[in-house]
PDB file of N, CA and C in Angstrom:
ATOM      1  N   UNK A   1     -55.433-120.448  44.206  1.00  0.00           N
ATOM      2  CA  UNK A   1     -57.234-121.426  44.147  1.00  0.00           C
ATOM      3  C   UNK A   1     -57.944-120.797  44.419  1.00  0.00           C
ATOM      4  N   UNK A   2     -58.293-118.870  45.045  1.00  0.00           N
ATOM      5  CA  UNK A   2     -59.434-118.295  45.201  1.00  0.00           C
ATOM      6  C   UNK A   2     -59.466-117.333  43.966  1.00  0.00           C
ATOM      7  N   UNK A   3     -58.256-116.576  43.194  1.00  0.00           N
ATOM      8  CA  UNK A   3     -58.702-116.427  41.891  1.00  0.00           C
ATOM      9  C   UNK A   3     -58.804-117.256  40.844  1.00  0.00           C
ATOM     10  N   UNK A   4     -58.828-118.228  41.026  1.00  0.00           N
ATOM     11  CA  UNK A   4     -59.570-119.423  40.593  1.00  0.00           C
ATOM     12  C   UNK A   4     -60.773-119.658  40.157  1.00  0.00           C
ATOM     13  N   UNK A   5     -61.309-119.495  41.528  1.00  0.00           N
ATOM     14  CA  UNK A   5     -62.556-119.722  41.242  1.00  0.00           C
ATOM     15  C   UNK A   5     -63.207-118.426  40.701  1.00  0.00           C
ATOM     16  N   UNK A   6     -62.871-117.370  41.209  1.00  0.00           N
ATOM     17  CA  UNK A   6     -63.265-116.147  40.898  1.00  0.00           C
ATOM     18  C   UNK A   6     -63.076-115.806  39.223  1.00  0.00           C
ATOM     19  N   UNK A   7     -62.198-116.706  38.152  1.00  0.00           N
ATOM     20  CA  UNK A   7     -62.455-116.689  37.545  1.00  0.00           C
ATOM     21  C   UNK A   7     -63.441-117.515  37.021  1.00  0.00           C
ATOM     22  N   UNK A   8     -63.871-118.337  37.443  1.00  0.00           N
ATOM     23  CA  UNK A   8     -64.885-119.841  37.082  1.00  0.00           C
ATOM     24  C   UNK A   8     -66.309-118.722  36.962  1.00  0.00           C
ATOM     25  N   UNK A   9     -66.759-117.920  38.563  1.00  0.00           N
ATOM     26  CA  UNK A   9     -67.557-117.294  38.333  1.00  0.00           C
ATOM     27  C   UNK A   9     -68.055-115.755  37.059  1.00  0.00           C
ATOM     28  N   UNK A  10     -66.975-115.397  37.756  1.00  0.00           N
ATOM     29  CA  UNK A  10     -67.228-114.926  36.359  1.00  0.00           C
ATOM     30  C   UNK A  10     -67.358-114.607  34.746  1.00  0.00           C
ATOM     31  N   UNK A  11     -66.716-115.368  34.649  1.00  0.00           N
ATOM     32  CA  UNK A  11     -67.407-116.858  33.222  1.00  0.00           C
ATOM     33  C   UNK A  11     -67.800-116.835  33.246  1.00  0.00           C
ATOM     34  N   UNK A  12     -69.441-117.355  34.560  1.00  0.00           N
ATOM     35  CA  UNK A  12     -70.649-117.851  34.112  1.00  0.00           C
ATOM     36  C   UNK A  12     -71.696-117.405  34.253  1.00  0.00           C
ATOM     37  N   UNK A  13     -71.215-116.199  34.804  1.00  0.00           N
ATOM     38  CA  UNK A  13     -72.112-115.533  35.194  1.00  0.00           C
ATOM     39  C   UNK A  13     -72.552-113.772  34.377  1.00  0.00           C
ATOM     40  N   UNK A  14     -73.513-113.280  34.261  1.00  0.00           N
ATOM     41  CA  UNK A  14     -73.447-112.281  33.356  1.00  0.00           C
ATOM     42  C   UNK A  14     -73.461-111.035  33.885  1.00  0.00           C
ATOM     43  N   UNK A  15     -72.426-110.066  33.230  1.00  0.00           N
ATOM     44  CA  UNK A  15     -72.339-108.520  33.966  1.00  0.00           C
ATOM     45  C   UNK A  15     -73.664-108.284  34.681  1.00  0.00           C
ATOM     46  N   UNK A  16     -75.019-108.705  34.219  1.00  0.00           N
ATOM     47  CA  UNK A  16     -76.112-108.114  35.343  1.00  0.00           C
ATOM     48  C   UNK A  16     -76.017-108.877  37.144  1.00  0.00           C
ATOM     49  N   UNK A  17     -75.240-110.482  36.926  1.00  0.00           N
ATOM     50  CA  UNK A  17     -75.488-110.523  37.699  1.00  0.00           C
ATOM     51  C   UNK A  17     -74.831-109.632  39.212  1.00  0.00           C
ATOM     52  N   UNK A  18     -74.522-110.473  40.703  1.00  0.00           N
ATOM     53  CA  UNK A  18     -72.766-109.450  41.036  1.00  0.00           C
ATOM     54  C   UNK A  18     -72.378-110.919  41.264  1.00  0.00           C
ATOM     55  N   UNK A  19     -71.466-110.128  41.742  1.00  0.00           N
ATOM     56  CA  UNK A  19     -71.110-112.260  42.893  1.00  0.00           C
ATOM     57  C   UNK A  19     -69.317-111.130  43.600  1.00  0.00           C
ATOM     58  N   UNK A  20     -69.475-112.082  45.081  1.00  0.00           N
ATOM     59  CA  UNK A  20     -68.216-110.905  45.576  1.00  0.00           C
ATOM     60  C   UNK A  20     -67.930-112.497  46.697  1.00  0.00           C
ATOM     61  N   UNK A  21     -66.530-111.969  47.234  1.00  0.00           N
ATOM     62  CA  UNK A  21     -65.655-112.725  47.808  1.00  0.00           C
ATOM     63  C   UNK A  21     -66.438-112.391  49.553  1.00  0.00           C
ATOM     64  N   UNK A  22     -67.197-113.091  50.628  1.00  0.00           N
ATOM     65  CA  UNK A  22     -67.065-112.753  51.276  1.00  0.00           C
ATOM     66  C   UNK A  22     -66.144-113.188  52.706  1.00  0.00           C
ATOM     67  N   UNK A  23     -65.385-113.596  52.889  1.00  0.00           N
ATOM     68  CA  UNK A  23     -64.504-113.719  53.245  1.00  0.00           C
ATOM     69  C   UNK A  23     -63.886-115.724  53.757  1.00  0.00           C
ATOM     70  N   UNK A  24     -62.649-115.781  53.806  1.00  0.00           N
ATOM     71  CA  UNK A  24     -62.418-116.862  53.486  1.00  0.00           C
ATOM     72  C   UNK A  24     -62.040-117.326  52.474  1.00  0.00           C
ATOM     73  N   UNK A  25     -62.540-119.062  52.625  1.00  0.00           N
ATOM     74  CA  UNK A  25     -63.210-119.547  51.290  1.00  0.00           C
ATOM     75  C   UNK A  25     -64.746-119.128  50.282  1.00  0.00           C
ATOM     76  N   UNK A  26     -65.397-118.660  51.030  1.00  0.00           N
ATOM     77  CA  UNK A  26     -67.254-117.846  50.833  1.00  0.00           C
ATOM     78  C   UNK A  26     -67.002-116.584  50.253  1.00  0.00           C
ATOM     79  N   UNK A  27     -67.500-117.160  48.976  1.00  0.00           N
ATOM     80  CA  UNK A  27     -68.488-116.373  47.904  1.00  0.00           C
ATOM     81  C   UNK A  27     -70.365-116.472  48.375  1.00  0.00           C
ATOM     82  N   UNK A  28     -70.534-115.317  47.498  1.00  0.00           N
ATOM     83  CA  UNK A  28     -71.888-115.203  47.538  1.00  0.00           C
ATOM     84  C   UNK A  28     -72.073-114.421  45.804  1.00  0.00           C
ATOM     85  N   UNK A  29     -73.649-115.176  45.821  1.00  0.00           N
ATOM     86  CA  UNK A  29     -73.746-114.314  43.862  1.00  0.00           C
ATOM     87  C   UNK A  29     -75.316-114.387  43.861  1.00  0.00           C
ATOM     88  N   UNK A  30     -75.289-112.792  43.263  1.00  0.00           N
ATOM     89  CA  UNK A  30     -76.747-112.683  42.927  1.00  0.00           C
ATOM     90  C   UNK A  30     -77.376-112.705  41.724  1.00  0.00           C
ATOM     91  N   UNK A  31     -78.487-113.810  41.200  1.00  0.00           N
ATOM     92  CA  UNK A  31     -78.353-113.897  39.924  1.00  0.00           C
ATOM     93  C   UNK A  31     -79.800-112.888  39.801  1.00  0.00           C
ATOM     94  N   UNK A  32     -79.848-112.140  39.002  1.00  0.00           N
ATOM     95  CA  UNK A  32     -80.945-111.802  38.947  1.00  0.00           C
ATOM     96  C   UNK A  32     -81.735-111.875  37.083  1.00  0.00           C
ATOM     97  N   UNK A  33     -83.117-111.847  37.514  1.00  0.00           N
ATOM     98  CA  UNK A  33     -84.399-112.544  36.949  1.00  0.00           C
ATOM     99  C   UNK A  33     -83.920-114.130  36.078  1.00  0.00           C
ATOM    100  N   UNK A  34     -83.661-114.749  36.845  1.00  0.00           N
ATOM    101  CA  UNK A  34     -83.522-116.334  36.709  1.00  0.00           C
ATOM    102  C   UNK A  34     -84.961-116.531  36.755  1.00  0.00           C
ATOM    103  N   UNK A  35     -84.712-117.533  35.575  1.00  0.00           N
ATOM    104  CA  UNK A  35     -86.239-118.114  34.928  1.00  0.00           C
ATOM    105  C   UNK A  35     -87.598-118.803  36.002  1.00  0.00           C
ATOM    106  N   UNK A  36     -86.335-119.308  37.138  1.00  0.00           N
ATOM    107  CA  UNK A  36     -86.960-120.457  38.390  1.00  0.00           C
ATOM    108  C   UNK A  36     -86.124-120.896  39.057  1.00  0.00           C
ATOM    109  N   UNK A  37     -86.969-120.724  40.322  1.00  0.00           N
ATOM    110  CA  UNK A  37     -85.867-122.202  40.778  1.00  0.00           C
ATOM    111  C   UNK A  37     -85.318-122.896  40.786  1.00  0.00           C
ATOM    112  N   UNK A  38     -85.541-123.873  40.001  1.00  0.00           N
ATOM    113  CA  UNK A  38     -84.451-124.824  39.528  1.00  0.00           C
ATOM    114  C   UNK A  38     -83.876-124.444  38.435  1.00  0.00           C
ATOM    115  N   UNK A  39     -83.943-123.158  37.792  1.00  0.00           N
ATOM    116  CA  UNK A  39     -82.653-122.890  37.476  1.00  0.00           C
ATOM    117  C   UNK A  39     -81.454-123.210  38.167  1.00  0.00           C
ATOM    118  N   UNK A  40     -81.630-122.685  39.313  1.00  0.00           N
ATOM    119  CA  UNK A  40     -80.600-122.291  40.062  1.00  0.00           C
ATOM    120  C   UNK A  40     -79.916-123.770  40.624  1.00  0.00           C
ATOM    121  N   UNK A  41     -80.344-124.882  41.066  1.00  0.00           N
ATOM    122  CA  UNK A  41     -80.198-126.010  40.748  1.00  0.00           C
ATOM    123  C   UNK A  41     -79.310-126.672  38.945  1.00  0.00           C
ATOM    124  N   UNK A  42     -79.465-126.273  38.444  1.00  0.00           N
ATOM    125  CA  UNK A  42     -78.498-125.589  36.385  1.00  0.00           C
ATOM    126  C   UNK A  42     -77.663-125.385  37.288  1.00  0.00           C
ATOM    127  N   UNK A  43     -77.915-123.998  37.655  1.00  0.00           N
ATOM    128  CA  UNK A  43     -76.238-122.998  37.777  1.00  0.00           C
ATOM    129  C   UNK A  43     -75.280-123.619  38.816  1.00  0.00           C
ATOM    130  N   UNK A  44     -76.337-124.563  39.461  1.00  0.00           N
ATOM    131  CA  UNK A  44     -75.319-125.119  40.924  1.00  0.00           C
ATOM    132  C   UNK A  44     -74.614-126.114  40.122  1.00  0.00           C
ATOM    133  N   UNK A  45     -75.060-126.877  39.816  1.00  0.00           N
ATOM    134  CA  UNK A  45     -74.304-128.313  38.761  1.00  0.00           C
ATOM    135  C   UNK A  45     -73.841-127.751  38.674  1.00  0.00           C
ATOM    136  N   UNK A  46     -73.272-127.112  37.288  1.00  0.00           N
ATOM    137  CA  UNK A  46     -72.549-125.874  36.493  1.00  0.00           C
ATOM    138  C   UNK A  46     -71.110-125.777  37.395  1.00  0.00           C
ATOM    139  N   UNK A  47     -71.314-124.662  38.689  1.00  0.00           N
ATOM    140  CA  UNK A  47     -70.068-124.700  39.313  1.00  0.00           C
ATOM    141  C   UNK A  47     -69.723-126.071  40.449  1.00  0.00           C
ATOM    142  N   UNK A  48     -70.508-126.925  40.319  1.00  0.00           N
ATOM    143  CA  UNK A  48     -69.884-128.092  41.687  1.00  0.00           C
ATOM    144  C   UNK A  48     -68.857-128.567  40.119  1.00  0.00           C
ATOM    145  N   UNK A  49     -69.691-128.413  38.680  1.00  0.00           N
ATOM    146  CA  UNK A  49     -68.919-129.338  37.791  1.00  0.00           C
ATOM    147  C   UNK A  49     -67.249-128.728  38.059  1.00  0.00           C
ATOM    148  N   UNK A  50     -67.587-127.188  37.540  1.00  0.00           N
ATOM    149  CA  UNK A  50     -66.195-126.296  37.090  1.00  0.00           C
ATOM    150  C   UNK A  50     -65.355-126.523  38.575  1.00  0.00           C
ATOM    151  N   UNK A  51     -65.968-125.860  39.454  1.00  0.00           N
ATOM    152  CA  UNK A  51     -64.916-125.530  40.727  1.00  0.00           C
ATOM    153  C   UNK A  51     -64.340-126.946  40.912  1.00  0.00           C
ATOM    154  N   UNK A  52     -65.446-128.016  40.954  1.00  0.00           N
ATOM    155  CA  UNK A  52     -64.648-129.339  41.404  1.00  0.00           C
ATOM    156  C   UNK A  52     -63.610-130.088  40.796  1.00  0.00           C
ATOM    157  N   UNK A  53     -63.719-129.152  39.563  1.00  0.00           N
ATOM    158  CA  UNK A  53     -62.245-130.061  38.446  1.00  0.00           C
ATOM    159  C   UNK A  53     -61.859-129.450  38.883  1.00  0.00           C
ATOM    160  N   UNK A  54     -61.325-128.282  39.741  1.00  0.00           N
ATOM    161  CA  UNK A  54     -59.872-128.367  39.843  1.00  0.00           C
ATOM    162  C   UNK A  54     -58.886-128.777  41.537  1.00  0.00           C
ATOM    163  N   UNK A  55     -57.903-128.527  42.000  1.00  0.00           N
ATOM    164  CA  UNK A  55     -57.600-129.209  42.531  1.00  0.00           C
ATOM    165  C   UNK A  55     -56.804-127.883  43.336  1.00  0.00           C
ATOM    166  N   UNK A  56     -56.206-127.621  44.903  1.00  0.00           N
ATOM    167  CA  UNK A  56     -55.568-127.017  44.855  1.00  0.00           C
ATOM    168  C   UNK A  56     -54.307-127.707  46.097  1.00  0.00           C
ATOM    169  N   UNK A  57     -52.861-127.137  46.302  1.00  0.00           N
ATOM    170  CA  UNK A  57     -52.637-127.732  47.314  1.00  0.00           C
ATOM    171  C   UNK A  57     -53.403-127.214  48.522  1.00  0.00           C
ATOM    172  N   UNK A  58     -52.529-128.189  50.169  1.00  0.00           N
ATOM    173  CA  UNK A  58     -52.924-127.731  51.484  1.00  0.00           C
ATOM    174  C   UNK A  58     -51.760-127.712  52.410  1.00  0.00           C
ATOM    175  N   UNK A  59     -52.241-126.294  53.170  1.00  0.00           N
ATOM    176  CA  UNK A  59     -51.332-125.809  53.767  1.00  0.00           C
ATOM    177  C   UNK A  59     -49.934-126.269  53.794  1.00  0.00           C
ATOM    178  N   UNK A  60     -49.177-126.791  54.916  1.00  0.00           N
ATOM    179  CA  UNK A  60     -48.039-126.349  54.648  1.00  0.00           C
ATOM    180  C   UNK A  60     -46.371-128.126  54.097  1.00  0.00           C
ATOM    181  N   UNK A  61     -47.821-129.105  53.911  1.00  0.00           N
ATOM    182  CA  UNK A  61     -47.365-129.716  53.579  1.00  0.00           C
ATOM    183  C   UNK A  61     -47.377-130.433  51.511  1.00  0.00           C
ATOM    184  N   UNK A  62     -47.928-129.396  51.149  1.00  0.00           N
ATOM    185  CA  UNK A  62     -47.803-129.568  50.159  1.00  0.00           C
ATOM    186  C   UNK A  62     -49.332-130.521  48.759  1.00  0.00           C
ATOM    187  N   UNK A  63     -49.249-131.104  50.159  1.00  0.00           N
ATOM    188  CA  UNK A  63     -50.669-132.338  49.365  1.00  0.00           C
ATOM    189  C   UNK A  63     -51.215-131.915  48.094  1.00  0.00           C
ATOM    190  N   UNK A  64     -51.595-132.236  47.277  1.00  0.00           N
ATOM    191  CA  UNK A  64     -52.822-131.310  46.612  1.00  0.00           C
ATOM    192  C   UNK A  64     -54.300-132.268  46.909  1.00  0.00           C
ATOM    193  N   UNK A  65     -55.288-131.526  46.620  1.00  0.00           N
ATOM    194  CA  UNK A  65     -56.281-131.902  47.586  1.00  0.00           C
ATOM    195  C   UNK A  65     -57.644-131.498  46.053  1.00  0.00           C
ATOM    196  N   UNK A  66     -58.516-132.430  46.268  1.00  0.00           N
ATOM    197  CA  UNK A  66     -60.032-132.303  45.128  1.00  0.00           C
ATOM    198  C   UNK A  66     -60.310-130.763  45.847  1.00  0.00           C
ATOM    199  N   UNK A  67     -60.677-129.656  44.772  1.00  0.00           N
ATOM    200  CA  UNK A  67     -61.372-128.493  45.448  1.00  0.00           C
ATOM    201  C   UNK A  67     -62.860-129.166  45.467  1.00  0.00           C
ATOM    202  N   UNK A  68     -63.510-129.015  46.825  1.00  0.00           N
ATOM    203  CA  UNK A  68     -65.521-129.513  46.651  1.00  0.00           C
ATOM    204  C   UNK A  68     -66.059-127.847  46.794  1.00  0.00           C
ATOM    205  N   UNK A  69     -67.372-127.670  46.792  1.00  0.00           N
ATOM    206  CA  UNK A  69     -68.288-126.900  46.757  1.00  0.00           C
ATOM    207  C   UNK A  69     -69.507-127.073  47.358  1.00  0.00           C
ATOM    208  N   UNK A  70     -70.090-126.215  48.381  1.00  0.00           N
ATOM    209  CA  UNK A  70     -71.284-126.554  48.534  1.00  0.00           C
ATOM    210  C   UNK A  70     -71.666-124.857  48.396  1.00  0.00           C
ATOM    211  N   UNK A  71     -73.067-125.268  48.394  1.00  0.00           N
ATOM    212  CA  UNK A  71     -74.208-124.319  47.747  1.00  0.00           C
ATOM    213  C   UNK A  71     -74.937-124.263  48.652  1.00  0.00           C
ATOM    214  N   UNK A  72     -75.888-122.688  49.415  1.00  0.00           N
ATOM    215  CA  UNK A  72     -76.912-122.677  49.537  1.00  0.00           C
ATOM    216  C   UNK A  72     -77.615-121.575  48.851  1.00  0.00           C
ATOM    217  N   UNK A  73     -79.103-122.126  48.640  1.00  0.00           N
ATOM    218  CA  UNK A  73     -79.824-120.987  47.470  1.00  0.00           C
ATOM    219  C   UNK A  73     -80.561-120.560  48.146  1.00  0.00           C
ATOM    220  N   UNK A  74     -80.952-118.933  48.368  1.00  0.00           N
ATOM    221  CA  UNK A  74     -82.299-118.959  48.360  1.00  0.00           C
ATOM    222  C   UNK A  74     -82.877-117.828  46.794  1.00  0.00           C
ATOM    223  N   UNK A  75     -84.380-117.863  47.089  1.00  0.00           N
ATOM    224  CA  UNK A  75     -84.946-117.549  45.376  1.00  0.00           C
ATOM    225  C   UNK A  75     -86.096-116.042  45.819  1.00  0.00           C
ATOM    226  N   UNK A  76     -86.088-115.125  45.440  1.00  0.00           N
ATOM    227  CA  UNK A  76     -87.547-114.079  45.697  1.00  0.00           C
ATOM    228  C   UNK A  76     -88.210-114.404  44.841  1.00  0.00           C
ATOM    229  N   UNK A  77     -89.511-114.241  44.590  1.00  0.00           N
ATOM    230  CA  UNK A  77     -89.517-113.627  45.890  1.00  0.00           C
ATOM    231  C   UNK A  77     -90.543-115.408  46.485  1.00  0.00           C
ATOM    232  N   UNK A  78     -90.032-116.365  46.441  1.00  0.00           N
ATOM    233  CA  UNK A  78     -91.070-117.765  47.093  1.00  0.00           C
ATOM    234  C   UNK A  78     -89.972-117.833  47.957  1.00  0.00           C
ATOM    235  N   UNK A  79     -88.707-117.104  48.397  1.00  0.00           N
ATOM    236  CA  UNK A  79     -88.704-117.936  49.392  1.00  0.00           C
ATOM    237  C   UNK A  79     -88.438-116.537  50.642  1.00  0.00           C
ATOM    238  N   UNK A  80     -88.241-115.692  50.175  1.00  0.00           N
ATOM    239  CA  UNK A  80     -87.929-114.204  50.839  1.00  0.00           C
ATOM    240  C   UNK A  80     -88.082-113.051  50.223  1.00  0.00           C
ATOM    241  N   UNK A  81     -88.599-111.611  51.045  1.00  0.00           N
ATOM    242  CA  UNK A  81     -88.898-110.634  50.225  1.00  0.00           C
ATOM    243  C   UNK A  81     -87.703-109.473  50.774  1.00  0.00           C
ATOM    244  N   UNK A  82     -86.927-110.385  51.040  1.00  0.00           N
ATOM    245  CA  UNK A  82     -85.952-108.826  50.838  1.00  0.00           C
ATOM    246  C   UNK A  82     -84.572-109.236  50.972  1.00  0.00           C
ATOM    247  N   UNK A  83     -83.536-108.201  50.535  1.00  0.00           N
ATOM    248  CA  UNK A  83     -82.183-108.906  50.774  1.00  0.00           C
ATOM    249  C   UNK A  83     -81.333-109.711  52.005  1.00  0.00           C
ATOM    250  N   UNK A  84     -82.042-109.607  53.079  1.00  0.00           N
ATOM    251  CA  UNK A  84     -81.416-109.443  54.329  1.00  0.00           C
ATOM    252  C   UNK A  84     -81.994-110.735  54.544  1.00  0.00           C
ATOM    253  N   UNK A  85     -83.544-111.055  54.162  1.00  0.00           N
ATOM    254  CA  UNK A  85     -83.490-112.206  54.332  1.00  0.00           C
ATOM    255  C   UNK A  85     -83.289-113.995  53.138  1.00  0.00           C
ATOM    256  N   UNK A  86     -83.050-113.674  52.123  1.00  0.00           N
ATOM    257  CA  UNK A  86     -82.601-114.200  51.276  1.00  0.00           C
ATOM    258  C   UNK A  86     -81.262-114.580  51.438  1.00  0.00           C
ATOM    259  N   UNK A  87     -80.224-113.731  51.985  1.00  0.00           N
ATOM    260  CA  UNK A  87     -78.943-113.853  52.460  1.00  0.00           C
ATOM    261  C   UNK A  87     -78.657-114.484  53.555  1.00  0.00           C
ATOM    262  N   UNK A  88     -80.258-114.596  54.336  1.00  0.00           N
ATOM    263  CA  UNK A  88     -79.808-115.653  55.894  1.00  0.00           C
ATOM    264  C   UNK A  88     -80.529-116.875  55.582  1.00  0.00           C
ATOM    265  N   UNK A  89     -81.133-116.914  54.379  1.00  0.00           N
ATOM    266  CA  UNK A  89     -82.010-118.032  53.843  1.00  0.00           C
ATOM    267  C   UNK A  89     -80.817-118.486  53.360  1.00  0.00           C
ATOM    268  N   UNK A  90     -79.927-118.406  52.484  1.00  0.00           N
ATOM    269  CA  UNK A  90     -79.451-119.100  51.301  1.00  0.00           C
ATOM    270  C   UNK A  90     -78.216-119.258  52.483  1.00  0.00           C
ATOM    271  N   UNK A  91     -77.676-118.336  53.341  1.00  0.00           N
ATOM    272  CA  UNK A  91     -76.335-118.733  54.313  1.00  0.00           C
ATOM    273  C   UNK A  91     -76.685-120.149  54.968  1.00  0.00           C
ATOM    274  N   UNK A  92     -78.136-120.385  55.603  1.00  0.00           N
ATOM    275  CA  UNK A  92     -78.997-121.195  56.582  1.00  0.00           C
ATOM    276  C   UNK A  92     -78.283-122.818  55.616  1.00  0.00           C
ATOM    277  N   UNK A  93     -79.056-122.774  54.283  1.00  0.00           N
ATOM    278  CA  UNK A  93     -78.728-123.755  53.208  1.00  0.00           C
ATOM    279  C   UNK A  93     -77.474-124.334  53.903  1.00  0.00           C
ATOM    280  N   UNK A  94     -76.464-123.194  52.871  1.00  0.00           N
ATOM    281  CA  UNK A  94     -75.274-123.728  52.910  1.00  0.00           C
ATOM    282  C   UNK A  94     -74.832-124.679  54.453  1.00  0.00           C
ATOM    283  N   UNK A  95     -74.874-124.117  55.493  1.00  0.00           N
ATOM    284  CA  UNK A  95     -74.420-124.281  56.676  1.00  0.00           C
ATOM    285  C   UNK A  95     -75.376-125.956  56.749  1.00  0.00           C
ATOM    286  N   UNK A  96     -76.469-126.085  56.648  1.00  0.00           N
ATOM    287  CA  UNK A  96     -76.865-127.366  56.551  1.00  0.00           C
ATOM    288  C   UNK A  96     -75.935-127.945  55.565  1.00  0.00           C
ATOM    289  N   UNK A  97     -75.606-127.223  53.942  1.00  0.00           N
ATOM    290  CA  UNK A  97     -75.083-128.640  53.321  1.00  0.00           C
ATOM    291  C   UNK A  97     -73.599-129.175  54.035  1.00  0.00           C
ATOM    292  N   UNK A  98     -73.370-128.135  54.890  1.00  0.00           N
ATOM    293  CA  UNK A  98     -71.673-128.258  55.432  1.00  0.00           C
ATOM    294  C   UNK A  98     -72.225-129.173  56.436  1.00  0.00           C
ATOM    295  N   UNK A  99     -72.739-129.099  57.153  1.00  0.00           N
ATOM    296  CA  UNK A  99     -73.545-129.798  57.782  1.00  0.00           C
ATOM    297  C   UNK A  99     -73.647-131.253  57.875  1.00  0.00           C
ATOM    298  N   UNK A 100     -74.374-132.049  56.388  1.00  0.00           N
ATOM    299  CA  UNK A 100     -74.629-133.091  56.039  1.00  0.00           C
ATOM    300  C   UNK A 100     -72.750-133.446  55.169  1.00  0.00           C
ATOM    301  N   UNK A 101     -72.101-132.977  55.319  1.00  0.00           N
ATOM    302  CA  UNK A 101     -70.511-133.199  54.679  1.00  0.00           C
ATOM    303  C   UNK A 101     -70.394-132.390  53.302  1.00  0.00           C
ATOM    304  N   UNK A 102     -71.267-131.605  53.159  1.00  0.00           N
ATOM    305  CA  UNK A 102     -70.285-130.675  51.546  1.00  0.00           C
ATOM    306  C   UNK A 102     -70.054-131.675  50.698  1.00  0.00           C
ATOM    307  N   UNK A 103     -70.206-130.282  49.770  1.00  0.00           N
ATOM    308  CA  UNK A 103     -70.153-131.034  47.905  1.00  0.00           C
ATOM    309  C   UNK A 103     -71.725-130.694  47.604  1.00  0.00           C
ATOM    310  N   UNK A 104     -72.103-130.223  48.177  1.00  0.00           N
ATOM    311  CA  UNK A 104     -73.304-130.087  47.645  1.00  0.00           C
ATOM    312  C   UNK A 104     -74.322-129.227  47.239  1.00  0.00           C
ATOM    313  N   UNK A 105     -75.668-128.872  46.970  1.00  0.00           N
ATOM    314  CA  UNK A 105     -75.758-127.651  46.976  1.00  0.00           C
ATOM    315  C   UNK A 105     -77.331-128.171  47.471  1.00  0.00           C
ATOM    316  N   UNK A 106     -77.883-127.220  48.543  1.00  0.00           N
ATOM    317  CA  UNK A 106     -79.597-126.932  48.663  1.00  0.00           C
ATOM    318  C   UNK A 106     -80.328-125.732  48.861  1.00  0.00           C
ATOM    319  N   UNK A 107     -81.270-125.395  48.069  1.00  0.00           N
ATOM    320  CA  UNK A 107     -82.087-124.175  47.825  1.00  0.00           C
ATOM    321  C   UNK A 107     -83.304-124.172  49.675  1.00  0.00           C
ATOM    322  N   UNK A 108     -82.994-123.350  49.788  1.00  0.00           N
ATOM    323  CA  UNK A 108     -84.184-123.134  51.528  1.00  0.00           C
ATOM    324  C   UNK A 108     -85.316-123.236  51.323  1.00  0.00           C
ATOM    325  N   UNK A 109     -86.012-123.735  52.023  1.00  0.00           N
ATOM    326  CA  UNK A 109     -87.518-124.522  51.880  1.00  0.00           C
ATOM    327  C   UNK A 109     -88.204-123.810  53.340  1.00  0.00           C
TER     328      UNK A 109
END
């Protein structure tokens, strides 16, 4: 499943953007020169549709489950001025989405 998600990320983003697996099932994407903060939601929606269309096996039972995606976003320079701040704020937004049931996206405010 992780390979399928990585393939979607590679197809969706430009070579100037950066994505990496942070651990487990968590990925980070850094999009360079995005036109607006609103454009991040368009990207998020595309990812939710493409990744949400995947199914995967769970545990030892072999049951098939629909894959969901939770996204946290922050933008430079509106939300933060440094890489560390951007990452921290996006992570906070991500966990807010997860806390509220997941399968959504939120931009840090």
